[in-house]
């Protein structure tokens, strides 16, 4: 199965005829068009996949280390002090 995204936002799927028939039947039974059925089924999973990929999972040891650094930050080193004086900003 291949997918191509065009500039218009259109996605083309190449499906086996029996897979398309299955999707079409399921969409019909749910009284929605095929696009609506696919989007309703796939978008929640896509959002969950993105959220999971963007989440940082820390071990208990690492979590405690982060909390300790937040409560007791290390002293600024010379490089950080120079950057602050130069007005360095993050993108």
Protein backbone atom coordinates (compact mmCIF):
# COMPACT_ATOMS: atom_id res chain seq x y z
CA UNK A 1 0.00 0.00 0.00
CA UNK A 2 1.48 3.36 -0.99
CA UNK A 3 0.40 6.87 -0.15
CA UNK A 4 1.04 10.17 -1.87
CA UNK A 5 0.20 13.59 -0.44
CA UNK A 6 -0.48 16.28 -3.00
CA UNK A 7 -0.39 20.02 -2.42
CA UNK A 8 -4.20 20.15 -2.19
CA UNK A 9 -4.22 17.93 0.89
CA UNK A 10 -5.48 14.99 -1.10
CA UNK A 11 -4.18 11.55 -0.11
CA UNK A 12 -4.29 8.66 -2.52
CA UNK A 13 -4.33 5.11 -1.24
CA UNK A 14 -3.62 2.06 -3.29
CA UNK A 15 -5.65 -0.75 -1.75
CA UNK A 16 -6.41 -4.30 -2.60
CA UNK A 17 -9.99 -4.50 -3.89
CA UNK A 18 -11.09 -6.60 -0.91
CA UNK A 19 -9.65 -4.04 1.53
CA UNK A 20 -11.48 -1.20 -0.20
CA UNK A 21 -14.69 -3.24 -0.16
CA UNK A 22 -14.29 -3.82 3.58
CA UNK A 23 -13.73 -0.12 4.27
CA UNK A 24 -16.61 0.89 2.03
CA UNK A 25 -18.97 -1.57 3.72
CA UNK A 26 -17.95 -0.37 7.19
CA UNK A 27 -18.46 3.25 6.13
CA UNK A 28 -21.88 2.44 4.71
CA UNK A 29 -22.92 0.63 7.89
CA UNK A 30 -21.88 3.72 9.87
CA UNK A 31 -23.73 6.00 7.44
CA UNK A 32 -20.66 8.06 6.54
CA UNK A 33 -18.65 8.40 3.38
CA UNK A 34 -15.39 6.52 2.98
CA UNK A 35 -13.24 9.58 3.68
CA UNK A 36 -15.18 10.38 6.84
CA UNK A 37 -14.92 6.80 8.02
CA UNK A 38 -11.16 6.64 7.47
CA UNK A 39 -10.55 10.01 9.12
CA UNK A 40 -12.75 9.17 12.10
CA UNK A 41 -10.84 5.92 12.55
CA UNK A 42 -7.30 7.12 11.88
CA UNK A 43 -7.05 10.66 13.27
CA UNK A 44 -7.40 9.69 16.96
CA UNK A 45 -4.65 7.11 16.51
CA UNK A 46 -2.43 9.65 14.73
CA UNK A 47 -2.91 12.14 17.56
CA UNK A 48 -2.10 9.47 20.15
CA UNK A 49 1.05 8.45 18.25
CA UNK A 50 2.21 12.08 18.09
CA UNK A 51 1.51 12.66 21.79
CA UNK A 52 3.41 9.52 22.74
CA UNK A 53 6.39 10.43 20.56
CA UNK A 54 6.56 13.92 22.06
CA UNK A 55 6.28 12.74 25.66
CA UNK A 56 9.47 12.34 27.65
CA UNK A 57 9.53 9.28 29.86
CA UNK A 58 12.00 9.42 32.72
CA UNK A 59 13.03 6.77 35.16
CA UNK A 60 12.44 7.47 38.84
CA UNK A 61 16.14 8.27 39.25
CA UNK A 62 16.08 10.75 36.34
CA UNK A 63 12.85 12.35 37.59
CA UNK A 64 14.44 12.92 40.98
CA UNK A 65 17.53 14.39 39.31
CA UNK A 66 15.41 16.87 37.31
CA UNK A 67 13.51 17.91 40.43
CA UNK A 68 16.78 18.36 42.32
CA UNK A 69 18.21 20.53 39.52
CA UNK A 70 15.06 22.66 39.50
CA UNK A 71 15.24 23.16 43.26
CA UNK A 72 19.04 23.54 43.36
CA UNK A 73 20.24 24.83 40.00
CA UNK A 74 23.98 24.79 39.39
CA UNK A 75 25.86 28.07 39.37
CA UNK A 76 26.05 29.78 35.98
CA UNK A 77 29.30 29.06 34.18
CA UNK A 78 31.32 31.69 32.33
CA UNK A 79 29.86 30.77 28.94
CA UNK A 80 26.28 31.22 30.20
CA UNK A 81 27.16 34.56 31.79
CA UNK A 82 28.70 35.80 28.51
CA UNK A 83 25.64 34.67 26.56
CA UNK A 84 23.33 36.47 28.99
CA UNK A 85 25.37 39.67 28.75
CA UNK A 86 25.40 39.46 24.96
CA UNK A 87 21.59 39.28 24.92
CA UNK A 88 21.48 35.76 23.50
CA UNK A 89 17.93 34.57 22.89
CA UNK A 90 16.65 31.17 21.97
CA UNK A 91 14.84 30.72 18.66
